[in-house]
PDB file of N, CA and C in Angstrom:
ATOM      1  N   UNK A   1     112.120  86.031  95.575  1.00  0.00           N
ATOM      2  CA  UNK A   1     112.397  87.125  96.477  1.00  0.00           C
ATOM      3  C   UNK A   1     112.723  86.547  97.863  1.00  0.00           C
ATOM      4  N   UNK A   2     113.830  87.015  98.461  1.00  0.00           N
ATOM      5  CA  UNK A   2     114.225  86.463  99.764  1.00  0.00           C
ATOM      6  C   UNK A   2     113.219  86.796 100.862  1.00  0.00           C
ATOM      7  N   UNK A   3     113.085  85.896 101.793  1.00  0.00           N
ATOM      8  CA  UNK A   3     112.214  86.111 102.948  1.00  0.00           C
ATOM      9  C   UNK A   3     112.855  87.165 103.852  1.00  0.00           C
ATOM     10  N   UNK A   4     112.076  88.088 104.420  1.00  0.00           N
ATOM     11  CA  UNK A   4     112.638  89.143 105.281  1.00  0.00           C
ATOM     12  C   UNK A   4     113.468  88.616 106.454  1.00  0.00           C
ATOM     13  N   UNK A   5     113.109  87.456 106.989  1.00  0.00           N
ATOM     14  CA  UNK A   5     113.887  86.883 108.096  1.00  0.00           C
ATOM     15  C   UNK A   5     115.269  86.462 107.597  1.00  0.00           C
ATOM     16  N   UNK A   6     115.335  85.875 106.407  1.00  0.00           N
ATOM     17  CA  UNK A   6     116.626  85.473 105.849  1.00  0.00           C
ATOM     18  C   UNK A   6     117.510  86.695 105.593  1.00  0.00           C
ATOM     19  N   UNK A   7     116.908  87.771 105.131  1.00  0.00           N
ATOM     20  CA  UNK A   7     117.649  89.014 104.893  1.00  0.00           C
ATOM     21  C   UNK A   7     118.173  89.567 106.218  1.00  0.00           C
ATOM     22  N   UNK A   8     117.334  89.570 107.249  1.00  0.00           N
ATOM     23  CA  UNK A   8     117.739  90.072 108.564  1.00  0.00           C
ATOM     24  C   UNK A   8     118.894  89.250 109.137  1.00  0.00           C
ATOM     25  N   UNK A   9     118.770  87.941 109.096  1.00  0.00           N
ATOM     26  CA  UNK A   9     119.831  87.066 109.609  1.00  0.00           C
ATOM     27  C   UNK A   9     121.121  87.308 108.826  1.00  0.00           C
ATOM     28  N   UNK A  10     121.023  87.448 107.525  1.00  0.00           N
ATOM     29  CA  UNK A  10     122.197  87.716 106.699  1.00  0.00           C
ATOM     30  C   UNK A  10     122.871  89.031 107.061  1.00  0.00           C
ATOM     31  N   UNK A  11     122.067  90.058 107.310  1.00  0.00           N
ATOM     32  CA  UNK A  11     122.625  91.353 107.726  1.00  0.00           C
ATOM     33  C   UNK A  11     123.355  91.228 109.049  1.00  0.00           C
ATOM     34  N   UNK A  12     122.763  90.476 109.964  1.00  0.00           N
ATOM     35  CA  UNK A  12     123.385  90.312 111.281  1.00  0.00           C
ATOM     36  C   UNK A  12     124.704  89.532 111.174  1.00  0.00           C
ATOM     37  N   UNK A  13     124.756  88.551 110.265  1.00  0.00           N
ATOM     38  CA  UNK A  13     126.017  87.832 110.027  1.00  0.00           C
ATOM     39  C   UNK A  13     127.063  88.822 109.530  1.00  0.00           C
ATOM     40  N   UNK A  14     126.702  89.620 108.525  1.00  0.00           N
ATOM     41  CA  UNK A  14     127.631  90.605 107.958  1.00  0.00           C
ATOM     42  C   UNK A  14     128.080  91.613 109.010  1.00  0.00           C
ATOM     43  N   UNK A  15     127.134  92.129 109.805  1.00  0.00           N
ATOM     44  CA  UNK A  15     127.477  93.111 110.831  1.00  0.00           C
ATOM     45  C   UNK A  15     128.495  92.556 111.818  1.00  0.00           C
ATOM     46  N   UNK A  16     128.232  91.356 112.301  1.00  0.00           N
ATOM     47  CA  UNK A  16     129.136  90.767 113.283  1.00  0.00           C
ATOM     48  C   UNK A  16     130.497  90.487 112.654  1.00  0.00           C
ATOM     49  N   UNK A  17     130.501  90.001 111.424  1.00  0.00           N
ATOM     50  CA  UNK A  17     131.757  89.712 110.737  1.00  0.00           C
ATOM     51  C   UNK A  17     132.578  90.993 110.590  1.00  0.00           C
ATOM     52  N   UNK A  18     131.926  92.077 110.169  1.00  0.00           N
ATOM     53  CA  UNK A  18     132.618  93.366 110.050  1.00  0.00           C
ATOM     54  C   UNK A  18     133.126  93.829 111.408  1.00  0.00           C
ATOM     55  N   UNK A  19     132.302  93.684 112.431  1.00  0.00           N
ATOM     56  CA  UNK A  19     132.648  94.166 113.756  1.00  0.00           C
ATOM     57  C   UNK A  19     133.900  93.481 114.297  1.00  0.00           C
ATOM     58  N   UNK A  20     134.046  92.199 114.027  1.00  0.00           N
ATOM     59  CA  UNK A  20     135.232  91.494 114.501  1.00  0.00           C
ATOM     60  C   UNK A  20     136.384  91.565 113.508  1.00  0.00           C
ATOM     61  N   UNK A  21     136.163  92.234 112.375  1.00  0.00           N
ATOM     62  CA  UNK A  21     137.228  92.420 111.396  1.00  0.00           C
ATOM     63  C   UNK A  21     137.586  91.169 110.619  1.00  0.00           C
ATOM     64  N   UNK A  22     136.587  90.349 110.342  1.00  0.00           N
ATOM     65  CA  UNK A  22     136.803  89.091 109.635  1.00  0.00           C
ATOM     66  C   UNK A  22     136.326  89.225 108.189  1.00  0.00           C
ATOM     67  N   UNK A  23     137.062  88.639 107.260  1.00  0.00           N
ATOM     68  CA  UNK A  23     136.636  88.641 105.862  1.00  0.00           C
ATOM     69  C   UNK A  23     135.656  87.494 105.623  1.00  0.00           C
ATOM     70  N   UNK A  24     134.966  87.556 104.493  1.00  0.00           N
ATOM     71  CA  UNK A  24     134.073  86.450 104.129  1.00  0.00           C
ATOM     72  C   UNK A  24     134.873  85.160 103.978  1.00  0.00           C
ATOM     73  N   UNK A  25     136.061  85.272 103.414  1.00  0.00           N
ATOM     74  CA  UNK A  25     136.913  84.096 103.221  1.00  0.00           C
ATOM     75  C   UNK A  25     137.294  83.474 104.564  1.00  0.00           C
ATOM     76  N   UNK A  26     137.662  84.309 105.532  1.00  0.00           N
ATOM     77  CA  UNK A  26     138.049  83.795 106.850  1.00  0.00           C
ATOM     78  C   UNK A  26     136.879  83.102 107.539  1.00  0.00           C
ATOM     79  N   UNK A  27     135.700  83.718 107.455  1.00  0.00           N
ATOM     80  CA  UNK A  27     134.515  83.094 108.061  1.00  0.00           C
ATOM     81  C   UNK A  27     134.205  81.776 107.368  1.00  0.00           C
ATOM     82  N   UNK A  28     134.267  81.773 106.053  1.00  0.00           N
ATOM     83  CA  UNK A  28     133.980  80.555 105.293  1.00  0.00           C
ATOM     84  C   UNK A  28     134.928  79.428 105.688  1.00  0.00           C
ATOM     85  N   UNK A  29     136.199  79.751 105.845  1.00  0.00           N
ATOM     86  CA  UNK A  29     137.176  78.733 106.234  1.00  0.00           C
ATOM     87  C   UNK A  29     136.874  78.181 107.627  1.00  0.00           C
ATOM     88  N   UNK A  30     136.470  79.039 108.559  1.00  0.00           N
ATOM     89  CA  UNK A  30     136.151  78.584 109.915  1.00  0.00           C
ATOM     90  C   UNK A  30     134.931  77.676 109.921  1.00  0.00           C
ATOM     91  N   UNK A  31     133.999  77.952 109.003  1.00  0.00           N
ATOM     92  CA  UNK A  31     132.752  77.196 108.965  1.00  0.00           C
ATOM     93  C   UNK A  31     132.875  75.976 108.051  1.00  0.00           C
ATOM     94  N   UNK A  32     133.858  75.989 107.150  1.00  0.00           N
ATOM     95  CA  UNK A  32     134.069  74.855 106.262  1.00  0.00           C
ATOM     96  C   UNK A  32     133.249  74.910 104.980  1.00  0.00           C
ATOM     97  N   UNK A  33     133.036  76.121 104.476  1.00  0.00           N
ATOM     98  CA  UNK A  33     132.296  76.301 103.217  1.00  0.00           C
ATOM     99  C   UNK A  33     133.049  77.296 102.342  1.00  0.00           C
ATOM    100  N   UNK A  34     132.539  77.554 101.144  1.00  0.00           N
ATOM    101  CA  UNK A  34     133.143  78.527 100.226  1.00  0.00           C
ATOM    102  C   UNK A  34     132.667  79.936 100.577  1.00  0.00           C
ATOM    103  N   UNK A  35     133.510  80.942 100.292  1.00  0.00           N
ATOM    104  CA  UNK A  35     133.135  82.306 100.646  1.00  0.00           C
ATOM    105  C   UNK A  35     131.912  82.781  99.868  1.00  0.00           C
ATOM    106  N   UNK A  36     131.678  82.200  98.679  1.00  0.00           N
ATOM    107  CA  UNK A  36     130.501  82.573  97.903  1.00  0.00           C
ATOM    108  C   UNK A  36     129.210  82.248  98.656  1.00  0.00           C
ATOM    109  N   UNK A  37     129.265  81.172  99.433  1.00  0.00           N
ATOM    110  CA  UNK A  37     128.090  80.798 100.221  1.00  0.00           C
ATOM    111  C   UNK A  37     127.843  81.833 101.319  1.00  0.00           C
ATOM    112  N   UNK A  38     128.915  82.344 101.923  1.00  0.00           N
ATOM    113  CA  UNK A  38     128.773  83.410 102.923  1.00  0.00           C
ATOM    114  C   UNK A  38     128.140  84.629 102.265  1.00  0.00           C
ATOM    115  N   UNK A  39     128.570  84.970 101.059  1.00  0.00           N
ATOM    116  CA  UNK A  39     127.975  86.099 100.326  1.00  0.00           C
ATOM    117  C   UNK A  39     126.473  85.906 100.158  1.00  0.00           C
ATOM    118  N   UNK A  40     126.081  84.704  99.787  1.00  0.00           N
ATOM    119  CA  UNK A  40     124.651  84.422  99.581  1.00  0.00           C
ATOM    120  C   UNK A  40     123.874  84.488 100.885  1.00  0.00           C
ATOM    121  N   UNK A  41     124.471  84.020 101.978  1.00  0.00           N
ATOM    122  CA  UNK A  41     123.815  84.133 103.283  1.00  0.00           C
ATOM    123  C   UNK A  41     123.637  85.599 103.665  1.00  0.00           C
ATOM    124  N   UNK A  42     124.693  86.394 103.475  1.00  0.00           N
ATOM    125  CA  UNK A  42     124.672  87.793 103.900  1.00  0.00           C
ATOM    126  C   UNK A  42     123.656  88.632 103.123  1.00  0.00           C
ATOM    127  N   UNK A  43     123.359  88.267 101.898  1.00  0.00           N
ATOM    128  CA  UNK A  43     122.366  88.999 101.116  1.00  0.00           C
ATOM    129  C   UNK A  43     120.955  88.450 101.311  1.00  0.00           C
ATOM    130  N   UNK A  44     120.866  87.296 101.939  1.00  0.00           N
ATOM    131  CA  UNK A  44     119.561  86.658 102.117  1.00  0.00           C
ATOM    132  C   UNK A  44     119.152  85.841 100.913  1.00  0.00           C
ATOM    133  N   UNK A  45     120.031  85.733  99.925  1.00  0.00           N
ATOM    134  CA  UNK A  45     119.718  84.948  98.731  1.00  0.00           C
ATOM    135  C   UNK A  45     119.564  83.477  99.066  1.00  0.00           C
ATOM    136  N   UNK A  46     120.358  83.002 100.018  1.00  0.00           N
ATOM    137  CA  UNK A  46     120.248  81.615 100.486  1.00  0.00           C
ATOM    138  C   UNK A  46     119.891  81.620 101.965  1.00  0.00           C
ATOM    139  N   UNK A  47     119.024  80.711 102.325  1.00  0.00           N
ATOM    140  CA  UNK A  47     118.610  80.548 103.720  1.00  0.00           C
ATOM    141  C   UNK A  47     119.691  79.774 104.476  1.00  0.00           C
ATOM    142  N   UNK A  48     119.977  80.200 105.700  1.00  0.00           N
ATOM    143  CA  UNK A  48     120.984  79.539 106.534  1.00  0.00           C
ATOM    144  C   UNK A  48     120.292  78.443 107.338  1.00  0.00           C
ATOM    145  N   UNK A  49     120.792  77.229 107.223  1.00  0.00           N
ATOM    146  CA  UNK A  49     120.209  76.132 108.011  1.00  0.00           C
ATOM    147  C   UNK A  49     120.560  76.317 109.482  1.00  0.00           C
ATOM    148  N   UNK A  50     119.829  75.640 110.335  1.00  0.00           N
ATOM    149  CA  UNK A  50     120.053  75.749 111.778  1.00  0.00           C
ATOM    150  C   UNK A  50     121.462  75.304 112.148  1.00  0.00           C
ATOM    151  N   UNK A  51     121.918  74.196 111.581  1.00  0.00           N
ATOM    152  CA  UNK A  51     123.253  73.703 111.923  1.00  0.00           C
ATOM    153  C   UNK A  51     124.342  74.638 111.410  1.00  0.00           C
ATOM    154  N   UNK A  52     124.141  75.222 110.241  1.00  0.00           N
ATOM    155  CA  UNK A  52     125.119  76.166 109.695  1.00  0.00           C
ATOM    156  C   UNK A  52     125.132  77.448 110.527  1.00  0.00           C
ATOM    157  N   UNK A  53     123.950  77.916 110.966  1.00  0.00           N
ATOM    158  CA  UNK A  53     123.880  79.111 111.802  1.00  0.00           C
ATOM    159  C   UNK A  53     124.596  78.856 113.129  1.00  0.00           C
ATOM    160  N   UNK A  54     124.482  77.639 113.627  1.00  0.00           N
ATOM    161  CA  UNK A  54     125.186  77.256 114.857  1.00  0.00           C
ATOM    162  C   UNK A  54     126.700  77.377 114.642  1.00  0.00           C
ATOM    163  N   UNK A  55     127.186  76.872 113.514  1.00  0.00           N
ATOM    164  CA  UNK A  55     128.621  76.951 113.208  1.00  0.00           C
ATOM    165  C   UNK A  55     129.075  78.405 113.037  1.00  0.00           C
ATOM    166  N   UNK A  56     128.249  79.212 112.379  1.00  0.00           N
ATOM    167  CA  UNK A  56     128.582  80.623 112.166  1.00  0.00           C
ATOM    168  C   UNK A  56     128.610  81.364 113.497  1.00  0.00           C
ATOM    169  N   UNK A  57     127.646  81.073 114.362  1.00  0.00           N
ATOM    170  CA  UNK A  57     127.620  81.738 115.665  1.00  0.00           C
ATOM    171  C   UNK A  57     128.866  81.378 116.474  1.00  0.00           C
ATOM    172  N   UNK A  58     129.319  80.142 116.364  1.00  0.00           N
ATOM    173  CA  UNK A  58     130.534  79.718 117.049  1.00  0.00           C
ATOM    174  C   UNK A  58     131.755  80.443 116.478  1.00  0.00           C
ATOM    175  N   UNK A  59     131.827  80.541 115.158  1.00  0.00           N
ATOM    176  CA  UNK A  59     132.960  81.200 114.503  1.00  0.00           C
ATOM    177  C   UNK A  59     133.009  82.691 114.823  1.00  0.00           C
ATOM    178  N   UNK A  60     131.841  83.306 114.986  1.00  0.00           N
ATOM    179  CA  UNK A  60     131.770  84.744 115.266  1.00  0.00           C
ATOM    180  C   UNK A  60     131.652  85.041 116.757  1.00  0.00           C
ATOM    181  N   UNK A  61     131.659  83.998 117.578  1.00  0.00           N
ATOM    182  CA  UNK A  61     131.645  84.113 119.038  1.00  0.00           C
ATOM    183  C   UNK A  61     130.432  84.886 119.563  1.00  0.00           C
ATOM    184  N   UNK A  62     129.257  84.519 119.080  1.00  0.00           N
ATOM    185  CA  UNK A  62     128.000  85.082 119.569  1.00  0.00           C
ATOM    186  C   UNK A  62     126.983  83.950 119.707  1.00  0.00           C
ATOM    187  N   UNK A  63     125.956  84.138 120.552  1.00  0.00           N
ATOM    188  CA  UNK A  63     124.909  83.115 120.624  1.00  0.00           C
ATOM    189  C   UNK A  63     124.055  83.151 119.354  1.00  0.00           C
ATOM    190  N   UNK A  64     123.417  82.068 119.032  1.00  0.00           N
ATOM    191  CA  UNK A  64     122.558  82.002 117.840  1.00  0.00           C
ATOM    192  C   UNK A  64     121.484  83.085 117.900  1.00  0.00           C
ATOM    193  N   UNK A  65     120.996  83.377 119.085  1.00  0.00           N
ATOM    194  CA  UNK A  65     119.941  84.392 119.227  1.00  0.00           C
ATOM    195  C   UNK A  65     120.376  85.769 118.727  1.00  0.00           C
ATOM    196  N   UNK A  66     121.681  86.033 118.684  1.00  0.00           N
ATOM    197  CA  UNK A  66     122.198  87.310 118.193  1.00  0.00           C
ATOM    198  C   UNK A  66     121.655  87.627 116.797  1.00  0.00           C
ATOM    199  N   UNK A  67     121.543  86.615 115.952  1.00  0.00           N
ATOM    200  CA  UNK A  67     121.143  86.827 114.567  1.00  0.00           C
ATOM    201  C   UNK A  67     119.672  87.202 114.419  1.00  0.00           C
ATOM    202  N   UNK A  68     118.894  87.022 115.471  1.00  0.00           N
ATOM    203  CA  UNK A  68     117.478  87.354 115.430  1.00  0.00           C
ATOM    204  C   UNK A  68     117.133  88.613 116.221  1.00  0.00           C
ATOM    205  N   UNK A  69     118.117  89.188 116.900  1.00  0.00           N
ATOM    206  CA  UNK A  69     117.871  90.401 117.678  1.00  0.00           C
ATOM    207  C   UNK A  69     117.407  91.531 116.770  1.00  0.00           C
ATOM    208  N   UNK A  70     116.392  92.254 117.231  1.00  0.00           N
ATOM    209  CA  UNK A  70     115.896  93.407 116.484  1.00  0.00           C
ATOM    210  C   UNK A  70     114.969  93.078 115.341  1.00  0.00           C
ATOM    211  N   UNK A  71     114.659  91.813 115.156  1.00  0.00           N
ATOM    212  CA  UNK A  71     113.833  91.445 114.006  1.00  0.00           C
ATOM    213  C   UNK A  71     112.404  91.960 114.136  1.00  0.00           C
ATOM    214  N   UNK A  72     111.897  92.068 115.365  1.00  0.00           N
ATOM    215  CA  UNK A  72     110.517  92.509 115.548  1.00  0.00           C
ATOM    216  C   UNK A  72     110.330  93.985 115.245  1.00  0.00           C
ATOM    217  N   UNK A  73     111.429  94.771 115.248  1.00  0.00           N
ATOM    218  CA  UNK A  73     111.290  96.200 114.949  1.00  0.00           C
ATOM    219  C   UNK A  73     112.263  96.651 113.870  1.00  0.00           C
ATOM    220  N   UNK A  74     112.533  95.775 112.911  1.00  0.00           N
ATOM    221  CA  UNK A  74     113.517  96.061 111.871  1.00  0.00           C
ATOM    222  C   UNK A  74     113.207  97.326 111.087  1.00  0.00           C
ATOM    223  N   UNK A  75     111.951  97.610 110.818  1.00  0.00           N
ATOM    224  CA  UNK A  75     111.604  98.771 110.015  1.00  0.00           C
ATOM    225  C   UNK A  75     111.420 100.027 110.852  1.00  0.00           C
ATOM    226  N   UNK A  76     111.584  99.915 112.157  1.00  0.00           N
ATOM    227  CA  UNK A  76     111.361 101.080 113.009  1.00  0.00           C
ATOM    228  C   UNK A  76     112.550 102.024 112.962  1.00  0.00           C
ATOM    229  N   UNK A  77     112.281 103.262 113.354  1.00  0.00           N
ATOM    230  CA  UNK A  77     113.325 104.275 113.441  1.00  0.00           C
ATOM    231  C   UNK A  77     113.339 104.787 114.872  1.00  0.00           C
ATOM    232  N   UNK A  78     114.505 104.776 115.479  1.00  0.00           N
ATOM    233  CA  UNK A  78     114.646 105.267 116.844  1.00  0.00           C
ATOM    234  C   UNK A  78     114.845 106.779 116.818  1.00  0.00           C
ATOM    235  N   UNK A  79     114.250 107.480 117.768  1.00  0.00           N
ATOM    236  CA  UNK A  79     114.382 108.929 117.845  1.00  0.00           C
ATOM    237  C   UNK A  79     115.388 109.301 118.922  1.00  0.00           C
ATOM    238  N   UNK A  80     116.291 110.233 118.567  1.00  0.00           N
ATOM    239  CA  UNK A  80     117.200 110.807 119.550  1.00  0.00           C
ATOM    240  C   UNK A  80     116.463 111.912 120.272  1.00  0.00           C
ATOM    241  N   UNK A  81     116.925 112.287 121.460  1.00  0.00           N
ATOM    242  CA  UNK A  81     116.284 113.380 122.184  1.00  0.00           C
ATOM    243  C   UNK A  81     116.237 114.679 121.384  1.00  0.00           C
ATOM    244  N   UNK A  82     117.178 114.876 120.467  1.00  0.00           N
ATOM    245  CA  UNK A  82     117.206 116.098 119.668  1.00  0.00           C
ATOM    246  C   UNK A  82     116.178 116.052 118.537  1.00  0.00           C
ATOM    247  N   UNK A  83     115.572 114.889 118.319  1.00  0.00           N
ATOM    248  CA  UNK A  83     114.584 114.761 117.253  1.00  0.00           C
ATOM    249  C   UNK A  83     115.161 114.213 115.965  1.00  0.00           C
ATOM    250  N   UNK A  84     116.482 114.064 115.870  1.00  0.00           N
ATOM    251  CA  UNK A  84     117.092 113.507 114.672  1.00  0.00           C
ATOM    252  C   UNK A  84     116.859 112.005 114.644  1.00  0.00           C
ATOM    253  N   UNK A  85     116.521 111.474 113.484  1.00  0.00           N
ATOM    254  CA  UNK A  85     116.241 110.037 113.365  1.00  0.00           C
ATOM    255  C   UNK A  85     117.536 109.262 113.184  1.00  0.00           C
ATOM    256  N   UNK A  86     117.648 108.147 113.900  1.00  0.00           N
ATOM    257  CA  UNK A  86     118.764 107.219 113.733  1.00  0.00           C
ATOM    258  C   UNK A  86     118.153 105.904 113.287  1.00  0.00           C
ATOM    259  N   UNK A  87     118.543 105.398 112.125  1.00  0.00           N
ATOM    260  CA  UNK A  87     117.974 104.129 111.679  1.00  0.00           C
ATOM    261  C   UNK A  87     118.322 103.007 112.651  1.00  0.00           C
ATOM    262  N   UNK A  88     117.404 102.076 112.830  1.00  0.00           N
ATOM    263  CA  UNK A  88     117.660 100.948 113.731  1.00  0.00           C
ATOM    264  C   UNK A  88     118.776 100.055 113.188  1.00  0.00           C
ATOM    265  N   UNK A  89     119.087 100.177 111.902  1.00  0.00           N
ATOM    266  CA  UNK A  89     120.130  99.378 111.265  1.00  0.00           C
ATOM    267  C   UNK A  89     121.440 100.157 111.186  1.00  0.00           C
ATOM    268  N   UNK A  90     121.743 100.941 112.208  1.00  0.00           N
ATOM    269  CA  UNK A  90     122.933 101.792 112.213  1.00  0.00           C
ATOM    270  C   UNK A  90     124.196 100.996 111.952  1.00  0.00           C
ATOM    271  N   UNK A  91     124.309  99.813 112.541  1.00  0.00           N
ATOM    272  CA  UNK A  91     125.525  99.035 112.362  1.00  0.00           C
ATOM    273  C   UNK A  91     125.600  98.368 110.992  1.00  0.00           C
ATOM    274  N   UNK A  92     124.630  98.614 110.138  1.00  0.00           N
ATOM    275  CA  UNK A  92     124.699  98.144 108.762  1.00  0.00           C
ATOM    276  C   UNK A  92     125.612  99.007 107.927  1.00  0.00           C
ATOM    277  N   UNK A  93     125.996 100.153 108.450  1.00  0.00           N
ATOM    278  CA  UNK A  93     126.860 101.093 107.755  1.00  0.00           C
ATOM    279  C   UNK A  93     128.311 100.755 108.077  1.00  0.00           C
ATOM    280  N   UNK A  94     129.105 100.458 107.043  1.00  0.00           N
ATOM    281  CA  UNK A  94     130.500 100.074 107.253  1.00  0.00           C
ATOM    282  C   UNK A  94     131.272 101.187 107.951  1.00  0.00           C
ATOM    283  N   UNK A  95     130.990 102.440 107.616  1.00  0.00           N
ATOM    284  CA  UNK A  95     131.686 103.558 108.254  1.00  0.00           C
ATOM    285  C   UNK A  95     131.396 103.583 109.756  1.00  0.00           C
ATOM    286  N   UNK A  96     130.150 103.337 110.131  1.00  0.00           N
ATOM    287  CA  UNK A  96     129.787 103.318 111.549  1.00  0.00           C
ATOM    288  C   UNK A  96     130.508 102.179 112.272  1.00  0.00           C
ATOM    289  N   UNK A  97     130.596 101.016 111.638  1.00  0.00           N
ATOM    290  CA  UNK A  97     131.306  99.896 112.249  1.00  0.00           C
ATOM    291  C   UNK A  97     132.790 100.191 112.400  1.00  0.00           C
ATOM    292  N   UNK A  98     133.380 100.830 111.382  1.00  0.00           N
ATOM    293  CA  UNK A  98     134.790 101.208 111.476  1.00  0.00           C
ATOM    294  C   UNK A  98     135.001 102.197 112.613  1.00  0.00           C
ATOM    295  N   UNK A  99     134.058 103.120 112.779  1.00  0.00           N
ATOM    296  CA  UNK A  99     134.149 104.092 113.861  1.00  0.00           C
ATOM    297  C   UNK A  99     134.090 103.399 115.225  1.00  0.00           C
ATOM    298  N   UNK A 100     133.160 102.469 115.379  1.00  0.00           N
ATOM    299  CA  UNK A 100     133.034 101.737 116.639  1.00  0.00           C
ATOM    300  C   UNK A 100     134.291 100.921 116.910  1.00  0.00           C
ATOM    301  N   UNK A 101     134.804 100.255 115.897  1.00  0.00           N
ATOM    302  CA  UNK A 101     136.024  99.448 116.058  1.00  0.00           C
ATOM    303  C   UNK A 101     137.199 100.347 116.466  1.00  0.00           C
ATOM    304  N   UNK A 102     137.333 101.498 115.826  1.00  0.00           N
ATOM    305  CA  UNK A 102     138.408 102.432 116.158  1.00  0.00           C
ATOM    306  C   UNK A 102     138.239 102.990 117.562  1.00  0.00           C
ATOM    307  N   UNK A 103     137.006 103.289 117.933  1.00  0.00           N
ATOM    308  CA  UNK A 103     136.717 103.822 119.268  1.00  0.00           C
ATOM    309  C   UNK A 103     137.199 102.853 120.354  1.00  0.00           C
ATOM    310  N   UNK A 104     136.890 101.574 120.185  1.00  0.00           N
ATOM    311  CA  UNK A 104     137.279 100.603 121.202  1.00  0.00           C
ATOM    312  C   UNK A 104     138.759 100.249 121.153  1.00  0.00           C
ATOM    313  N   UNK A 105     139.462 100.686 120.116  1.00  0.00           N
ATOM    314  CA  UNK A 105     140.910 100.478 120.060  1.00  0.00           C
ATOM    315  C   UNK A 105     141.655 101.539 120.865  1.00  0.00           C
ATOM    316  N   UNK A 106     140.974 102.609 121.244  1.00  0.00           N
ATOM    317  CA  UNK A 106     141.572 103.691 122.034  1.00  0.00           C
ATOM    318  C   UNK A 106     141.669 103.227 123.484  1.00  0.00           C
ATOM    319  N   UNK A 107     142.783 103.543 124.169  1.00  0.00           N
ATOM    320  CA  UNK A 107     142.891 103.174 125.594  1.00  0.00           C
ATOM    321  C   UNK A 107     141.714 103.733 126.395  1.00  0.00           C
ATOM    322  N   UNK A 108     141.304 102.977 127.408  1.00  0.00           N
ATOM    323  CA  UNK A 108     140.062 103.280 128.126  1.00  0.00           C
ATOM    324  C   UNK A 108     139.992 104.701 128.685  1.00  0.00           C
ATOM    325  N   UNK A 109     141.069 105.197 129.297  1.00  0.00           N
ATOM    326  CA  UNK A 109     141.009 106.539 129.878  1.00  0.00           C
ATOM    327  C   UNK A 109     140.835 107.611 128.798  1.00  0.00           C
ATOM    328  N   UNK A 110     141.487 107.442 127.659  1.00  0.00           N
ATOM    329  CA  UNK A 110     141.326 108.387 126.554  1.00  0.00           C
ATOM    330  C   UNK A 110     139.957 108.236 125.906  1.00  0.00           C
ATOM    331  N   UNK A 111     139.490 107.001 125.835  1.00  0.00           N
ATOM    332  CA  UNK A 111     138.173 106.745 125.246  1.00  0.00           C
ATOM    333  C   UNK A 111     137.089 107.426 126.065  1.00  0.00           C
ATOM    334  N   UNK A 112     137.224 107.410 127.381  1.00  0.00           N
ATOM    335  CA  UNK A 112     136.239 108.057 128.253  1.00  0.00           C
ATOM    336  C   UNK A 112     136.218 109.565 128.010  1.00  0.00           C
ATOM    337  N   UNK A 113     137.389 110.150 127.852  1.00  0.00           N
ATOM    338  CA  UNK A 113     137.475 111.592 127.591  1.00  0.00           C
ATOM    339  C   UNK A 113     136.863 111.927 126.227  1.00  0.00           C
ATOM    340  N   UNK A 114     137.119 111.076 125.233  1.00  0.00           N
ATOM    341  CA  UNK A 114     136.536 111.286 123.908  1.00  0.00           C
ATOM    342  C   UNK A 114     135.013 111.186 123.977  1.00  0.00           C
ATOM    343  N   UNK A 115     134.525 110.233 124.739  1.00  0.00           N
ATOM    344  CA  UNK A 115     133.085 110.063 124.903  1.00  0.00           C
ATOM    345  C   UNK A 115     132.464 111.306 125.537  1.00  0.00           C
ATOM    346  N   UNK A 116     133.107 111.816 126.590  1.00  0.00           N
ATOM    347  CA  UNK A 116     132.611 113.029 127.258  1.00  0.00           C
ATOM    348  C   UNK A 116     132.599 114.214 126.292  1.00  0.00           C
ATOM    349  N   UNK A 117     133.648 114.337 125.481  1.00  0.00           N
ATOM    350  CA  UNK A 117     133.712 115.413 124.492  1.00  0.00           C
ATOM    351  C   UNK A 117     132.572 115.284 123.476  1.00  0.00           C
ATOM    352  N   UNK A 118     132.322 114.076 123.006  1.00  0.00           N
ATOM    353  CA  UNK A 118     131.246 113.849 122.033  1.00  0.00           C
ATOM    354  C   UNK A 118     129.889 114.220 122.622  1.00  0.00           C
ATOM    355  N   UNK A 119     129.680 113.884 123.887  1.00  0.00           N
ATOM    356  CA  UNK A 119     128.412 114.240 124.546  1.00  0.00           C
ATOM    357  C   UNK A 119     128.240 115.751 124.624  1.00  0.00           C
ATOM    358  N   UNK A 120     129.293 116.447 125.005  1.00  0.00           N
ATOM    359  CA  UNK A 120     129.216 117.905 125.090  1.00  0.00           C
ATOM    360  C   UNK A 120     128.919 118.503 123.723  1.00  0.00           C
ATOM    361  N   UNK A 121     129.622 118.011 122.699  1.00  0.00           N
ATOM    362  CA  UNK A 121     129.410 118.527 121.344  1.00  0.00           C
ATOM    363  C   UNK A 121     127.995 118.248 120.849  1.00  0.00           C
ATOM    364  N   UNK A 122     127.453 117.089 121.180  1.00  0.00           N
ATOM    365  CA  UNK A 122     126.090 116.763 120.717  1.00  0.00           C
ATOM    366  C   UNK A 122     125.047 117.593 121.469  1.00  0.00           C
ATOM    367  N   UNK A 123     125.320 117.945 122.707  1.00  0.00           N
ATOM    368  CA  UNK A 123     124.397 118.792 123.458  1.00  0.00           C
ATOM    369  C   UNK A 123     124.363 120.214 122.897  1.00  0.00           C
ATOM    370  N   UNK A 124     125.485 120.674 122.368  1.00  0.00           N
ATOM    371  CA  UNK A 124     125.581 122.017 121.794  1.00  0.00           C
ATOM    372  C   UNK A 124     124.908 122.088 120.434  1.00  0.00           C
ATOM    373  N   UNK A 125     124.966 121.000 119.689  1.00  0.00           N
ATOM    374  CA  UNK A 125     124.434 120.987 118.316  1.00  0.00           C
ATOM    375  C   UNK A 125     122.944 121.128 118.229  1.00  0.00           C
TER     376      UNK A 125
END
């Protein structure tokens, strides 16, 4: 059974890879390994060595500490002011990541207006 830390680090690798729009194959090529190894890291089946995590952090353009963020409260659930629960692993959802990626692809002035609209709609709900 994988260690919870290995699973967390693997999820963070997958999240960042999705966020930057990189495939497992592309990440593997940047790091110099096979994509199957990336799959094993992302599921926590294989533990990522320190030197490999360093290479992955470089390829994904984040500090090594990124992969450990949120580990102390992984099982916690954050509460919205409305009382609806939002899982702390929100970015684990591919649809949510696609939404965030699409949001930031919108020009800034339009994105601000969309954000204001979303706030108004959430206040009404």
